[in-house]
């Protein structure tokens, strides 16, 4: 269970504010938007990826003590790449080419009936 950065009391992970000291824990009052805070005297910008590649447009840059977009440059970004399964690829292909599959099946049946008779 995480703790409040101000009073160090344990708080729920979905808590918007600390129930003990009322410190805001999530940005914009939304449980899905984390609010990062600087620890110590250094600003968050000193270790942020967006500050170092000069793509940050946050108004408090380079002295931001709180930020919603902070990404630590020391921790590598891990992005999960979606890789569809083979069965879902086949299913998708069949959905996209259903008319051609039906036409091919009719043609194949016609040829087999012509050769048989």
PDB file of N, CA and C in Angstrom:
ATOM      1  N   UNK A   1       0.857  -1.171   0.000  1.00  0.00           N
ATOM      2  CA  UNK A   1       0.000   0.000   0.000  1.00  0.00           C
ATOM      3  C   UNK A   1       0.909   1.243   0.000  1.00  0.00           C
ATOM      4  N   UNK A   2       0.674   2.168  -0.924  1.00  0.00           N
ATOM      5  CA  UNK A   2       1.506   3.373  -0.962  1.00  0.00           C
ATOM      6  C   UNK A   2       1.246   4.284   0.234  1.00  0.00           C
ATOM      7  N   UNK A   3       2.151   5.215   0.422  1.00  0.00           N
ATOM      8  CA  UNK A   3       1.988   6.144   1.547  1.00  0.00           C
ATOM      9  C   UNK A   3       1.907   7.574   1.035  1.00  0.00           C
ATOM     10  N   UNK A   4       1.312   8.423   1.834  1.00  0.00           N
ATOM     11  CA  UNK A   4       1.170   9.837   1.516  1.00  0.00           C
ATOM     12  C   UNK A   4       2.553  10.493   1.536  1.00  0.00           C
ATOM     13  N   UNK A   5       2.889  11.294   0.515  1.00  0.00           N
ATOM     14  CA  UNK A   5       4.206  11.924   0.499  1.00  0.00           C
ATOM     15  C   UNK A   5       4.386  12.981   1.587  1.00  0.00           C
ATOM     16  N   UNK A   6       3.302  13.471   2.154  1.00  0.00           N
ATOM     17  CA  UNK A   6       3.398  14.525   3.158  1.00  0.00           C
ATOM     18  C   UNK A   6       3.398  13.964   4.583  1.00  0.00           C
ATOM     19  N   UNK A   7       2.375  13.171   4.918  1.00  0.00           N
ATOM     20  CA  UNK A   7       2.252  12.683   6.299  1.00  0.00           C
ATOM     21  C   UNK A   7       2.761  11.251   6.484  1.00  0.00           C
ATOM     22  N   UNK A   8       3.123  10.581   5.394  1.00  0.00           N
ATOM     23  CA  UNK A   8       3.668   9.219   5.416  1.00  0.00           C
ATOM     24  C   UNK A   8       2.716   8.171   5.972  1.00  0.00           C
ATOM     25  N   UNK A   9       1.409   8.446   5.941  1.00  0.00           N
ATOM     26  CA  UNK A   9       0.400   7.479   6.371  1.00  0.00           C
ATOM     27  C   UNK A   9       0.025   6.607   5.171  1.00  0.00           C
ATOM     28  N   UNK A  10      -0.323   5.342   5.385  1.00  0.00           N
ATOM     29  CA  UNK A  10      -0.728   4.495   4.264  1.00  0.00           C
ATOM     30  C   UNK A  10      -2.062   4.971   3.672  1.00  0.00           C
ATOM     31  N   UNK A  11      -2.159   4.937   2.344  1.00  0.00           N
ATOM     32  CA  UNK A  11      -3.383   5.332   1.640  1.00  0.00           C
ATOM     33  C   UNK A  11      -3.701   4.309   0.566  1.00  0.00           C
ATOM     34  N   UNK A  12      -4.952   4.246   0.180  1.00  0.00           N
ATOM     35  CA  UNK A  12      -5.374   3.343  -0.894  1.00  0.00           C
ATOM     36  C   UNK A  12      -4.751   3.802  -2.215  1.00  0.00           C
ATOM     37  N   UNK A  13      -4.507   2.880  -3.131  1.00  0.00           N
ATOM     38  CA  UNK A  13      -3.913   3.232  -4.420  1.00  0.00           C
ATOM     39  C   UNK A  13      -4.851   4.074  -5.269  1.00  0.00           C
ATOM     40  N   UNK A  14      -6.153   3.979  -5.033  1.00  0.00           N
ATOM     41  CA  UNK A  14      -7.124   4.744  -5.817  1.00  0.00           C
ATOM     42  C   UNK A  14      -7.548   6.040  -5.141  1.00  0.00           C
ATOM     43  N   UNK A  15      -6.970   6.345  -3.992  1.00  0.00           N
ATOM     44  CA  UNK A  15      -7.355   7.556  -3.257  1.00  0.00           C
ATOM     45  C   UNK A  15      -6.960   8.806  -4.024  1.00  0.00           C
ATOM     46  N   UNK A  16      -7.867   9.748  -4.116  1.00  0.00           N
ATOM     47  CA  UNK A  16      -7.621  11.008  -4.818  1.00  0.00           C
ATOM     48  C   UNK A  16      -6.888  11.986  -3.904  1.00  0.00           C
ATOM     49  N   UNK A  17      -7.196  11.929  -2.614  1.00  0.00           N
ATOM     50  CA  UNK A  17      -6.530  12.763  -1.613  1.00  0.00           C
ATOM     51  C   UNK A  17      -6.265  11.917  -0.380  1.00  0.00           C
ATOM     52  N   UNK A  18      -5.263  12.307   0.372  1.00  0.00           N
ATOM     53  CA  UNK A  18      -4.928  11.599   1.610  1.00  0.00           C
ATOM     54  C   UNK A  18      -6.064  11.808   2.610  1.00  0.00           C
ATOM     55  N   UNK A  19      -6.589  10.735   3.195  1.00  0.00           N
ATOM     56  CA  UNK A  19      -7.677  10.889   4.166  1.00  0.00           C
ATOM     57  C   UNK A  19      -7.207  11.522   5.480  1.00  0.00           C
ATOM     58  N   UNK A  20      -5.913  11.561   5.723  1.00  0.00           N
ATOM     59  CA  UNK A  20      -5.381  12.097   6.978  1.00  0.00           C
ATOM     60  C   UNK A  20      -5.064  13.589   6.882  1.00  0.00           C
ATOM     61  N   UNK A  21      -4.324  13.992   5.821  1.00  0.00           N
ATOM     62  CA  UNK A  21      -3.887  15.391   5.736  1.00  0.00           C
ATOM     63  C   UNK A  21      -4.473  16.133   4.524  1.00  0.00           C
ATOM     64  N   UNK A  22      -5.277  15.447   3.714  1.00  0.00           N
ATOM     65  CA  UNK A  22      -5.955  16.034   2.553  1.00  0.00           C
ATOM     66  C   UNK A  22      -5.002  16.494   1.446  1.00  0.00           C
ATOM     67  N   UNK A  23      -3.792  15.953   1.386  1.00  0.00           N
ATOM     68  CA  UNK A  23      -2.869  16.254   0.305  1.00  0.00           C
ATOM     69  C   UNK A  23      -3.379  15.594  -0.971  1.00  0.00           C
ATOM     70  N   UNK A  24      -3.391  16.319  -2.069  1.00  0.00           N
ATOM     71  CA  UNK A  24      -3.846  15.773  -3.344  1.00  0.00           C
ATOM     72  C   UNK A  24      -2.865  14.712  -3.823  1.00  0.00           C
ATOM     73  N   UNK A  25      -3.386  13.535  -4.157  1.00  0.00           N
ATOM     74  CA  UNK A  25      -2.555  12.425  -4.607  1.00  0.00           C
ATOM     75  C   UNK A  25      -2.708  12.142  -6.086  1.00  0.00           C
ATOM     76  N   UNK A  26      -3.853  12.478  -6.640  1.00  0.00           N
ATOM     77  CA  UNK A  26      -4.113  12.251  -8.062  1.00  0.00           C
ATOM     78  C   UNK A  26      -4.447  13.581  -8.719  1.00  0.00           C
ATOM     79  N   UNK A  27      -3.980  13.753  -9.935  1.00  0.00           N
ATOM     80  CA  UNK A  27      -4.166  15.030 -10.627  1.00  0.00           C
ATOM     81  C   UNK A  27      -5.599  15.185 -11.123  1.00  0.00           C
ATOM     82  N   UNK A  28      -6.079  16.398 -11.110  1.00  0.00           N
ATOM     83  CA  UNK A  28      -7.392  16.776 -11.628  1.00  0.00           C
ATOM     84  C   UNK A  28      -8.538  16.013 -10.969  1.00  0.00           C
ATOM     85  N   UNK A  29      -8.327  15.470  -9.778  1.00  0.00           N
ATOM     86  CA  UNK A  29      -9.373  14.757  -9.069  1.00  0.00           C
ATOM     87  C   UNK A  29      -9.787  13.464  -9.740  1.00  0.00           C
ATOM     88  N   UNK A  30      -8.907  12.886 -10.541  1.00  0.00           N
ATOM     89  CA  UNK A  30      -9.219  11.663 -11.278  1.00  0.00           C
ATOM     90  C   UNK A  30      -8.276  10.559 -10.827  1.00  0.00           C
ATOM     91  N   UNK A  31      -8.812   9.395 -10.424  1.00  0.00           N
ATOM     92  CA  UNK A  31      -7.951   8.337  -9.899  1.00  0.00           C
ATOM     93  C   UNK A  31      -6.990   7.747 -10.930  1.00  0.00           C
ATOM     94  N   UNK A  32      -7.212   7.995 -12.218  1.00  0.00           N
ATOM     95  CA  UNK A  32      -6.345   7.441 -13.248  1.00  0.00           C
ATOM     96  C   UNK A  32      -5.206   8.349 -13.656  1.00  0.00           C
ATOM     97  N   UNK A  33      -5.117   9.547 -13.079  1.00  0.00           N
ATOM     98  CA  UNK A  33      -4.055  10.493 -13.463  1.00  0.00           C
ATOM     99  C   UNK A  33      -3.112  10.658 -12.276  1.00  0.00           C
ATOM    100  N   UNK A  34      -1.946  10.008 -12.335  1.00  0.00           N
ATOM    101  CA  UNK A  34      -1.013  10.115 -11.214  1.00  0.00           C
ATOM    102  C   UNK A  34      -0.386  11.505 -11.142  1.00  0.00           C
ATOM    103  N   UNK A  35      -0.062  11.919  -9.948  1.00  0.00           N
ATOM    104  CA  UNK A  35       0.596  13.202  -9.717  1.00  0.00           C
ATOM    105  C   UNK A  35       1.951  12.905  -9.082  1.00  0.00           C
ATOM    106  N   UNK A  36       3.010  13.178  -9.831  1.00  0.00           N
ATOM    107  CA  UNK A  36       4.363  12.913  -9.344  1.00  0.00           C
ATOM    108  C   UNK A  36       4.869  14.119  -8.581  1.00  0.00           C
ATOM    109  N   UNK A  37       5.578  13.869  -7.473  1.00  0.00           N
ATOM    110  CA  UNK A  37       6.115  14.940  -6.636  1.00  0.00           C
ATOM    111  C   UNK A  37       7.615  14.752  -6.470  1.00  0.00           C
ATOM    112  N   UNK A  38       8.319  15.857  -6.425  1.00  0.00           N
ATOM    113  CA  UNK A  38       9.754  15.813  -6.193  1.00  0.00           C
ATOM    114  C   UNK A  38      10.031  15.497  -4.732  1.00  0.00           C
ATOM    115  N   UNK A  39      11.057  14.711  -4.515  1.00  0.00           N
ATOM    116  CA  UNK A  39      11.497  14.425  -3.148  1.00  0.00           C
ATOM    117  C   UNK A  39      12.814  15.151  -2.945  1.00  0.00           C
ATOM    118  N   UNK A  40      12.946  15.797  -1.835  1.00  0.00           N
ATOM    119  CA  UNK A  40      14.152  16.565  -1.569  1.00  0.00           C
ATOM    120  C   UNK A  40      14.056  17.945  -2.202  1.00  0.00           C
ATOM    121  N   UNK A  41      15.205  18.534  -2.466  1.00  0.00           N
ATOM    122  CA  UNK A  41      15.251  19.899  -2.991  1.00  0.00           C
ATOM    123  C   UNK A  41      15.269  19.968  -4.516  1.00  0.00           C
ATOM    124  N   UNK A  42      15.649  18.902  -5.191  1.00  0.00           N
ATOM    125  CA  UNK A  42      15.768  18.908  -6.648  1.00  0.00           C
ATOM    126  C   UNK A  42      14.396  18.888  -7.307  1.00  0.00           C
ATOM    127  N   UNK A  43      14.281  19.583  -8.436  1.00  0.00           N
ATOM    128  CA  UNK A  43      13.027  19.596  -9.198  1.00  0.00           C
ATOM    129  C   UNK A  43      12.889  18.298  -9.976  1.00  0.00           C
ATOM    130  N   UNK A  44      11.667  17.951 -10.334  1.00  0.00           N
ATOM    131  CA  UNK A  44      11.425  16.749 -11.131  1.00  0.00           C
ATOM    132  C   UNK A  44      12.100  16.849 -12.499  1.00  0.00           C
ATOM    133  N   UNK A  45      12.178  18.048 -13.033  1.00  0.00           N
ATOM    134  CA  UNK A  45      12.721  18.255 -14.377  1.00  0.00           C
ATOM    135  C   UNK A  45      14.157  17.753 -14.514  1.00  0.00           C
ATOM    136  N   UNK A  46      14.914  17.753 -13.423  1.00  0.00           N
ATOM    137  CA  UNK A  46      16.310  17.340 -13.482  1.00  0.00           C
ATOM    138  C   UNK A  46      16.473  15.903 -13.956  1.00  0.00           C
ATOM    139  N   UNK A  47      15.485  15.053 -13.688  1.00  0.00           N
ATOM    140  CA  UNK A  47      15.583  13.643 -14.070  1.00  0.00           C
ATOM    141  C   UNK A  47      14.502  13.214 -15.049  1.00  0.00           C
ATOM    142  N   UNK A  48      13.810  14.166 -15.659  1.00  0.00           N
ATOM    143  CA  UNK A  48      12.700  13.831 -16.556  1.00  0.00           C
ATOM    144  C   UNK A  48      13.167  13.696 -18.007  1.00  0.00           C
ATOM    145  N   UNK A  49      12.668  12.688 -18.683  1.00  0.00           N
ATOM    146  CA  UNK A  49      12.992  12.444 -20.084  1.00  0.00           C
ATOM    147  C   UNK A  49      12.575  13.625 -20.956  1.00  0.00           C
ATOM    148  N   UNK A  50      11.393  14.176 -20.718  1.00  0.00           N
ATOM    149  CA  UNK A  50      10.863  15.240 -21.560  1.00  0.00           C
ATOM    150  C   UNK A  50      11.648  16.543 -21.417  1.00  0.00           C
ATOM    151  N   UNK A  51      12.244  16.764 -20.260  1.00  0.00           N
ATOM    152  CA  UNK A  51      13.078  17.950 -20.074  1.00  0.00           C
ATOM    153  C   UNK A  51      14.384  17.794 -20.856  1.00  0.00           C
ATOM    154  N   UNK A  52      14.970  16.619 -20.820  1.00  0.00           N
ATOM    155  CA  UNK A  52      16.266  16.405 -21.459  1.00  0.00           C
ATOM    156  C   UNK A  52      16.175  16.311 -22.979  1.00  0.00           C
ATOM    157  N   UNK A  53      15.030  15.882 -23.528  1.00  0.00           N
ATOM    158  CA  UNK A  53      14.916  15.895 -24.993  1.00  0.00           C
ATOM    159  C   UNK A  53      14.227  17.166 -25.489  1.00  0.00           C
ATOM    160  N   UNK A  54      13.979  18.099 -24.566  1.00  0.00           N
ATOM    161  CA  UNK A  54      13.423  19.426 -24.860  1.00  0.00           C
ATOM    162  C   UNK A  54      12.028  19.370 -25.485  1.00  0.00           C
ATOM    163  N   UNK A  55      11.243  18.364 -25.107  1.00  0.00           N
ATOM    164  CA  UNK A  55       9.875  18.270 -25.616  1.00  0.00           C
ATOM    165  C   UNK A  55       8.836  18.650 -24.561  1.00  0.00           C
ATOM    166  N   UNK A  56       9.285  19.071 -23.395  1.00  0.00           N
ATOM    167  CA  UNK A  56       8.365  19.448 -22.316  1.00  0.00           C
ATOM    168  C   UNK A  56       7.829  20.855 -22.549  1.00  0.00           C
ATOM    169  N   UNK A  57       6.523  21.008 -22.382  1.00  0.00           N
ATOM    170  CA  UNK A  57       5.923  22.345 -22.496  1.00  0.00           C
ATOM    171  C   UNK A  57       5.176  22.726 -21.220  1.00  0.00           C
ATOM    172  N   UNK A  58       5.556  22.110 -20.125  1.00  0.00           N
ATOM    173  CA  UNK A  58       4.934  22.383 -18.834  1.00  0.00           C
ATOM    174  C   UNK A  58       5.351  23.782 -18.371  1.00  0.00           C
ATOM    175  N   UNK A  59       4.411  24.615 -17.949  1.00  0.00           N
ATOM    176  CA  UNK A  59       4.732  26.007 -17.592  1.00  0.00           C
ATOM    177  C   UNK A  59       5.737  26.151 -16.444  1.00  0.00           C
ATOM    178  N   UNK A  60       5.778  25.190 -15.524  1.00  0.00           N
ATOM    179  CA  UNK A  60       6.686  25.298 -14.380  1.00  0.00           C
ATOM    180  C   UNK A  60       8.090  24.776 -14.684  1.00  0.00           C
ATOM    181  N   UNK A  61       8.318  24.324 -15.891  1.00  0.00           N
ATOM    182  CA  UNK A  61       9.629  23.831 -16.271  1.00  0.00           C
ATOM    183  C   UNK A  61      10.631  24.961 -16.214  1.00  0.00           C
ATOM    184  N   UNK A  62      11.800  24.804 -15.749  1.00  0.00           N
ATOM    185  CA  UNK A  62      12.513  23.621 -15.263  1.00  0.00           C
ATOM    186  C   UNK A  62      12.494  23.478 -13.747  1.00  0.00           C
ATOM    187  N   UNK A  63      11.545  24.107 -13.073  1.00  0.00           N
ATOM    188  CA  UNK A  63      11.517  24.085 -11.613  1.00  0.00           C
ATOM    189  C   UNK A  63      10.290  23.361 -11.059  1.00  0.00           C
ATOM    190  N   UNK A  64       9.691  22.483 -11.827  1.00  0.00           N
ATOM    191  CA  UNK A  64       8.459  21.802 -11.417  1.00  0.00           C
ATOM    192  C   UNK A  64       8.708  20.882 -10.229  1.00  0.00           C
ATOM    193  N   UNK A  65       7.883  21.020  -9.232  1.00  0.00           N
ATOM    194  CA  UNK A  65       7.939  20.144  -8.057  1.00  0.00           C
ATOM    195  C   UNK A  65       6.847  19.079  -8.141  1.00  0.00           C
ATOM    196  N   UNK A  66       5.803  19.333  -8.949  1.00  0.00           N
ATOM    197  CA  UNK A  66       4.720  18.376  -9.194  1.00  0.00           C
ATOM    198  C   UNK A  66       4.473  18.325 -10.693  1.00  0.00           C
ATOM    199  N   UNK A  67       4.163  17.132 -11.200  1.00  0.00           N
ATOM    200  CA  UNK A  67       3.933  16.995 -12.642  1.00  0.00           C
ATOM    201  C   UNK A  67       3.109  15.736 -12.902  1.00  0.00           C
ATOM    202  N   UNK A  68       2.295  15.772 -13.933  1.00  0.00           N
ATOM    203  CA  UNK A  68       1.490  14.598 -14.298  1.00  0.00           C
ATOM    204  C   UNK A  68       2.162  13.768 -15.380  1.00  0.00           C
ATOM    205  N   UNK A  69       3.122  14.337 -16.088  1.00  0.00           N
ATOM    206  CA  UNK A  69       3.757  13.635 -17.208  1.00  0.00           C
ATOM    207  C   UNK A  69       5.166  13.139 -16.913  1.00  0.00           C
ATOM    208  N   UNK A  70       5.622  13.302 -15.707  1.00  0.00           N
ATOM    209  CA  UNK A  70       7.000  12.962 -15.356  1.00  0.00           C
ATOM    210  C   UNK A  70       7.333  11.530 -15.729  1.00  0.00           C
ATOM    211  N   UNK A  71       8.464  11.358 -16.401  1.00  0.00           N
ATOM    212  CA  UNK A  71       8.985  10.038 -16.732  1.00  0.00           C
ATOM    213  C   UNK A  71      10.469  10.040 -16.402  1.00  0.00           C
ATOM    214  N   UNK A  72      10.877   9.210 -15.490  1.00  0.00           N
ATOM    215  CA  UNK A  72      12.255   9.168 -15.031  1.00  0.00           C
ATOM    216  C   UNK A  72      13.159   8.664 -16.140  1.00  0.00           C
ATOM    217  N   UNK A  73      14.203   9.424 -16.449  1.00  0.00           N
ATOM    218  CA  UNK A  73      15.111   9.032 -17.520  1.00  0.00           C
ATOM    219  C   UNK A  73      16.003   7.867 -17.118  1.00  0.00           C
ATOM    220  N   UNK A  74      16.127   7.590 -15.839  1.00  0.00           N
ATOM    221  CA  UNK A  74      16.958   6.495 -15.378  1.00  0.00           C
ATOM    222  C   UNK A  74      16.267   5.144 -15.497  1.00  0.00           C
ATOM    223  N   UNK A  75      14.938   5.166 -15.539  1.00  0.00           N
ATOM    224  CA  UNK A  75      14.175   3.939 -15.718  1.00  0.00           C
ATOM    225  C   UNK A  75      13.788   3.819 -17.182  1.00  0.00           C
ATOM    226  N   UNK A  76      14.171   2.763 -17.853  1.00  0.00           N
ATOM    227  CA  UNK A  76      13.821   2.635 -19.268  1.00  0.00           C
ATOM    228  C   UNK A  76      12.319   2.489 -19.461  1.00  0.00           C
ATOM    229  N   UNK A  77      11.829   3.085 -20.536  1.00  0.00           N
ATOM    230  CA  UNK A  77      10.411   2.968 -20.859  1.00  0.00           C
ATOM    231  C   UNK A  77      10.142   1.562 -21.369  1.00  0.00           C
ATOM    232  N   UNK A  78       9.124   0.937 -20.840  1.00  0.00           N
ATOM    233  CA  UNK A  78       8.738  -0.386 -21.304  1.00  0.00           C
ATOM    234  C   UNK A  78       7.361  -0.273 -21.928  1.00  0.00           C
ATOM    235  N   UNK A  79       7.309  -0.539 -23.186  1.00  0.00           N
ATOM    236  CA  UNK A  79       6.020  -0.491 -23.861  1.00  0.00           C
ATOM    237  C   UNK A  79       5.660  -1.899 -24.300  1.00  0.00           C
ATOM    238  N   UNK A  80       4.465  -2.283 -24.013  1.00  0.00           N
ATOM    239  CA  UNK A  80       4.014  -3.591 -24.419  1.00  0.00           C
ATOM    240  C   UNK A  80       3.450  -3.492 -25.838  1.00  0.00           C
ATOM    241  N   UNK A  81       4.014  -4.283 -26.717  1.00  0.00           N
ATOM    242  CA  UNK A  81       3.597  -4.277 -28.110  1.00  0.00           C
ATOM    243  C   UNK A  81       2.538  -5.347 -28.290  1.00  0.00           C
ATOM    244  N   UNK A  82       1.433  -4.967 -28.906  1.00  0.00           N
ATOM    245  CA  UNK A  82       0.348  -5.914 -29.141  1.00  0.00           C
ATOM    246  C   UNK A  82       0.739  -6.858 -30.270  1.00  0.00           C
ATOM    247  N   UNK A  83       0.709  -8.131 -30.016  1.00  0.00           N
ATOM    248  CA  UNK A  83       1.001  -9.144 -31.017  1.00  0.00           C
ATOM    249  C   UNK A  83      -0.205 -10.077 -31.099  1.00  0.00           C
ATOM    250  N   UNK A  84      -0.986  -9.956 -32.169  1.00  0.00           N
ATOM    251  CA  UNK A  84      -2.175 -10.807 -32.281  1.00  0.00           C
ATOM    252  C   UNK A  84      -1.788 -12.260 -32.502  1.00  0.00           C
ATOM    253  N   UNK A  85      -2.650 -13.149 -32.043  1.00  0.00           N
ATOM    254  CA  UNK A  85      -2.408 -14.575 -32.219  1.00  0.00           C
ATOM    255  C   UNK A  85      -2.682 -14.969 -33.662  1.00  0.00           C
ATOM    256  N   UNK A  86      -2.198 -16.141 -34.048  1.00  0.00           N
ATOM    257  CA  UNK A  86      -2.376 -16.622 -35.410  1.00  0.00           C
ATOM    258  C   UNK A  86      -3.854 -16.813 -35.736  1.00  0.00           C
ATOM    259  N   UNK A  87      -4.624 -17.324 -34.782  1.00  0.00           N
ATOM    260  CA  UNK A  87      -6.044 -17.548 -35.039  1.00  0.00           C
ATOM    261  C   UNK A  87      -6.784 -16.227 -35.262  1.00  0.00           C
ATOM    262  N   UNK A  88      -6.408 -15.182 -34.514  1.00  0.00           N
ATOM    263  CA  UNK A  88      -7.072 -13.895 -34.715  1.00  0.00           C
ATOM    264  C   UNK A  88      -6.656 -13.265 -36.045  1.00  0.00           C
ATOM    265  N   UNK A  89      -5.422 -13.527 -36.493  1.00  0.00           N
ATOM    266  CA  UNK A  89      -4.988 -13.035 -37.802  1.00  0.00           C
ATOM    267  C   UNK A  89      -5.775 -13.711 -38.932  1.00  0.00           C
ATOM    268  N   UNK A  90      -5.962 -15.026 -38.819  1.00  0.00           N
ATOM    269  CA  UNK A  90      -6.726 -15.768 -39.829  1.00  0.00           C
ATOM    270  C   UNK A  90      -8.177 -15.302 -39.830  1.00  0.00           C
ATOM    271  N   UNK A  91      -8.747 -15.140 -38.657  1.00  0.00           N
ATOM    272  CA  UNK A  91     -10.131 -14.690 -38.548  1.00  0.00           C
ATOM    273  C   UNK A  91     -10.305 -13.304 -39.162  1.00  0.00           C
ATOM    274  N   UNK A  92      -9.367 -12.420 -38.901  1.00  0.00           N
ATOM    275  CA  UNK A  92      -9.414 -11.073 -39.461  1.00  0.00           C
ATOM    276  C   UNK A  92      -9.288 -11.107 -40.981  1.00  0.00           C
ATOM    277  N   UNK A  93      -8.372 -11.933 -41.483  1.00  0.00           N
ATOM    278  CA  UNK A  93      -8.188 -12.036 -42.928  1.00  0.00           C
ATOM    279  C   UNK A  93      -9.457 -12.568 -43.593  1.00  0.00           C
ATOM    280  N   UNK A  94     -10.077 -13.582 -42.994  1.00  0.00           N
ATOM    281  CA  UNK A  94     -11.312 -14.143 -43.548  1.00  0.00           C
ATOM    282  C   UNK A  94     -12.439 -13.104 -43.554  1.00  0.00           C
ATOM    283  N   UNK A  95     -12.530 -12.285 -42.513  1.00  0.00           N
ATOM    284  CA  UNK A  95     -13.556 -11.250 -42.477  1.00  0.00           C
ATOM    285  C   UNK A  95     -13.339 -10.216 -43.573  1.00  0.00           C
ATOM    286  N   UNK A  96     -12.093  -9.891 -43.858  1.00  0.00           N
ATOM    287  CA  UNK A  96     -11.788  -8.880 -44.861  1.00  0.00           C
ATOM    288  C   UNK A  96     -11.963  -9.406 -46.289  1.00  0.00           C
ATOM    289  N   UNK A  97     -11.796 -10.715 -46.481  1.00  0.00           N
ATOM    290  CA  UNK A  97     -11.837 -11.289 -47.820  1.00  0.00           C
ATOM    291  C   UNK A  97     -12.950 -12.324 -47.974  1.00  0.00           C
ATOM    292  N   UNK A  98     -14.033 -12.159 -47.239  1.00  0.00           N
ATOM    293  CA  UNK A  98     -15.110 -13.136 -47.230  1.00  0.00           C
ATOM    294  C   UNK A  98     -15.730 -13.320 -48.615  1.00  0.00           C
ATOM    295  N   UNK A  99     -15.932 -12.265 -49.352  1.00  0.00           N
ATOM    296  CA  UNK A  99     -16.538 -12.363 -50.688  1.00  0.00           C
ATOM    297  C   UNK A  99     -15.676 -13.212 -51.615  1.00  0.00           C
ATOM    298  N   UNK A 100     -14.356 -13.012 -51.555  1.00  0.00           N
ATOM    299  CA  UNK A 100     -13.462 -13.796 -52.414  1.00  0.00           C
ATOM    300  C   UNK A 100     -13.423 -15.261 -51.993  1.00  0.00           C
ATOM    301  N   UNK A 101     -13.495 -15.523 -50.720  1.00  0.00           N
ATOM    302  CA  UNK A 101     -13.507 -16.898 -50.217  1.00  0.00           C
ATOM    303  C   UNK A 101     -14.769 -17.615 -50.694  1.00  0.00           C
ATOM    304  N   UNK A 102     -15.920 -16.962 -50.601  1.00  0.00           N
ATOM    305  CA  UNK A 102     -17.183 -17.566 -51.055  1.00  0.00           C
ATOM    306  C   UNK A 102     -17.147 -17.795 -52.560  1.00  0.00           C
ATOM    307  N   UNK A 103     -16.671 -16.799 -53.313  1.00  0.00           N
ATOM    308  CA  UNK A 103     -16.574 -16.938 -54.775  1.00  0.00           C
ATOM    309  C   UNK A 103     -15.647 -18.092 -55.145  1.00  0.00           C
ATOM    310  N   UNK A 104     -14.518 -18.223 -54.457  1.00  0.00           N
ATOM    311  CA  UNK A 104     -13.586 -19.323 -54.715  1.00  0.00           C
ATOM    312  C   UNK A 104     -14.208 -20.666 -54.391  1.00  0.00           C
ATOM    313  N   UNK A 105     -14.977 -20.736 -53.297  1.00  0.00           N
ATOM    314  CA  UNK A 105     -15.635 -21.988 -52.925  1.00  0.00           C
ATOM    315  C   UNK A 105     -16.672 -22.396 -53.966  1.00  0.00           C
ATOM    316  N   UNK A 106     -17.452 -21.426 -54.467  1.00  0.00           N
ATOM    317  CA  UNK A 106     -18.452 -21.713 -55.514  1.00  0.00           C
ATOM    318  C   UNK A 106     -17.757 -22.193 -56.782  1.00  0.00           C
ATOM    319  N   UNK A 107     -16.652 -21.542 -57.142  1.00  0.00           N
ATOM    320  CA  UNK A 107     -15.889 -21.932 -58.336  1.00  0.00           C
ATOM    321  C   UNK A 107     -15.326 -23.328 -58.181  1.00  0.00           C
ATOM    322  N   UNK A 108     -14.786 -23.642 -57.033  1.00  0.00           N
ATOM    323  CA  UNK A 108     -14.232 -24.967 -56.788  1.00  0.00           C
ATOM    324  C   UNK A 108     -15.307 -26.052 -56.859  1.00  0.00           C
ATOM    325  N   UNK A 109     -16.454 -25.787 -56.253  1.00  0.00           N
ATOM    326  CA  UNK A 109     -17.581 -26.741 -56.305  1.00  0.00           C
ATOM    327  C   UNK A 109     -18.040 -26.937 -57.744  1.00  0.00           C
ATOM    328  N   UNK A 110     -18.093 -25.859 -58.510  1.00  0.00           N
ATOM    329  CA  UNK A 110     -18.523 -25.955 -59.918  1.00  0.00           C
ATOM    330  C   UNK A 110     -17.567 -26.791 -60.725  1.00  0.00           C
ATOM    331  N   UNK A 111     -16.274 -26.600 -60.545  1.00  0.00           N
ATOM    332  CA  UNK A 111     -15.267 -27.371 -61.280  1.00  0.00           C
ATOM    333  C   UNK A 111     -15.359 -28.833 -60.885  1.00  0.00           C
ATOM    334  N   UNK A 112     -15.505 -29.119 -59.615  1.00  0.00           N
ATOM    335  CA  UNK A 112     -15.618 -30.527 -59.171  1.00  0.00           C
ATOM    336  C   UNK A 112     -16.864 -31.188 -59.739  1.00  0.00           C
ATOM    337  N   UNK A 113     -17.981 -30.462 -59.794  1.00  0.00           N
ATOM    338  CA  UNK A 113     -19.206 -31.036 -60.359  1.00  0.00           C
ATOM    339  C   UNK A 113     -19.051 -31.247 -61.865  1.00  0.00           C
ATOM    340  N   UNK A 114     -18.370 -30.354 -62.542  1.00  0.00           N
ATOM    341  CA  UNK A 114     -18.167 -30.511 -63.996  1.00  0.00           C
ATOM    342  C   UNK A 114     -17.260 -31.688 -64.302  1.00  0.00           C
ATOM    343  N   UNK A 115     -16.223 -31.902 -63.496  1.00  0.00           N
ATOM    344  CA  UNK A 115     -15.315 -33.030 -63.707  1.00  0.00           C
ATOM    345  C   UNK A 115     -15.954 -34.362 -63.362  1.00  0.00           C
ATOM    346  N   UNK A 116     -16.878 -34.345 -62.479  1.00  0.00           N
ATOM    347  CA  UNK A 116     -17.523 -35.573 -62.010  1.00  0.00           C
ATOM    348  C   UNK A 116     -18.546 -36.079 -63.054  1.00  0.00           C
ATOM    349  N   UNK A 117     -19.187 -35.189 -63.703  1.00  0.00           N
ATOM    350  CA  UNK A 117     -20.274 -35.588 -64.586  1.00  0.00           C
ATOM    351  C   UNK A 117     -19.994 -35.682 -66.005  1.00  0.00           C
TER     352      UNK A 117
END
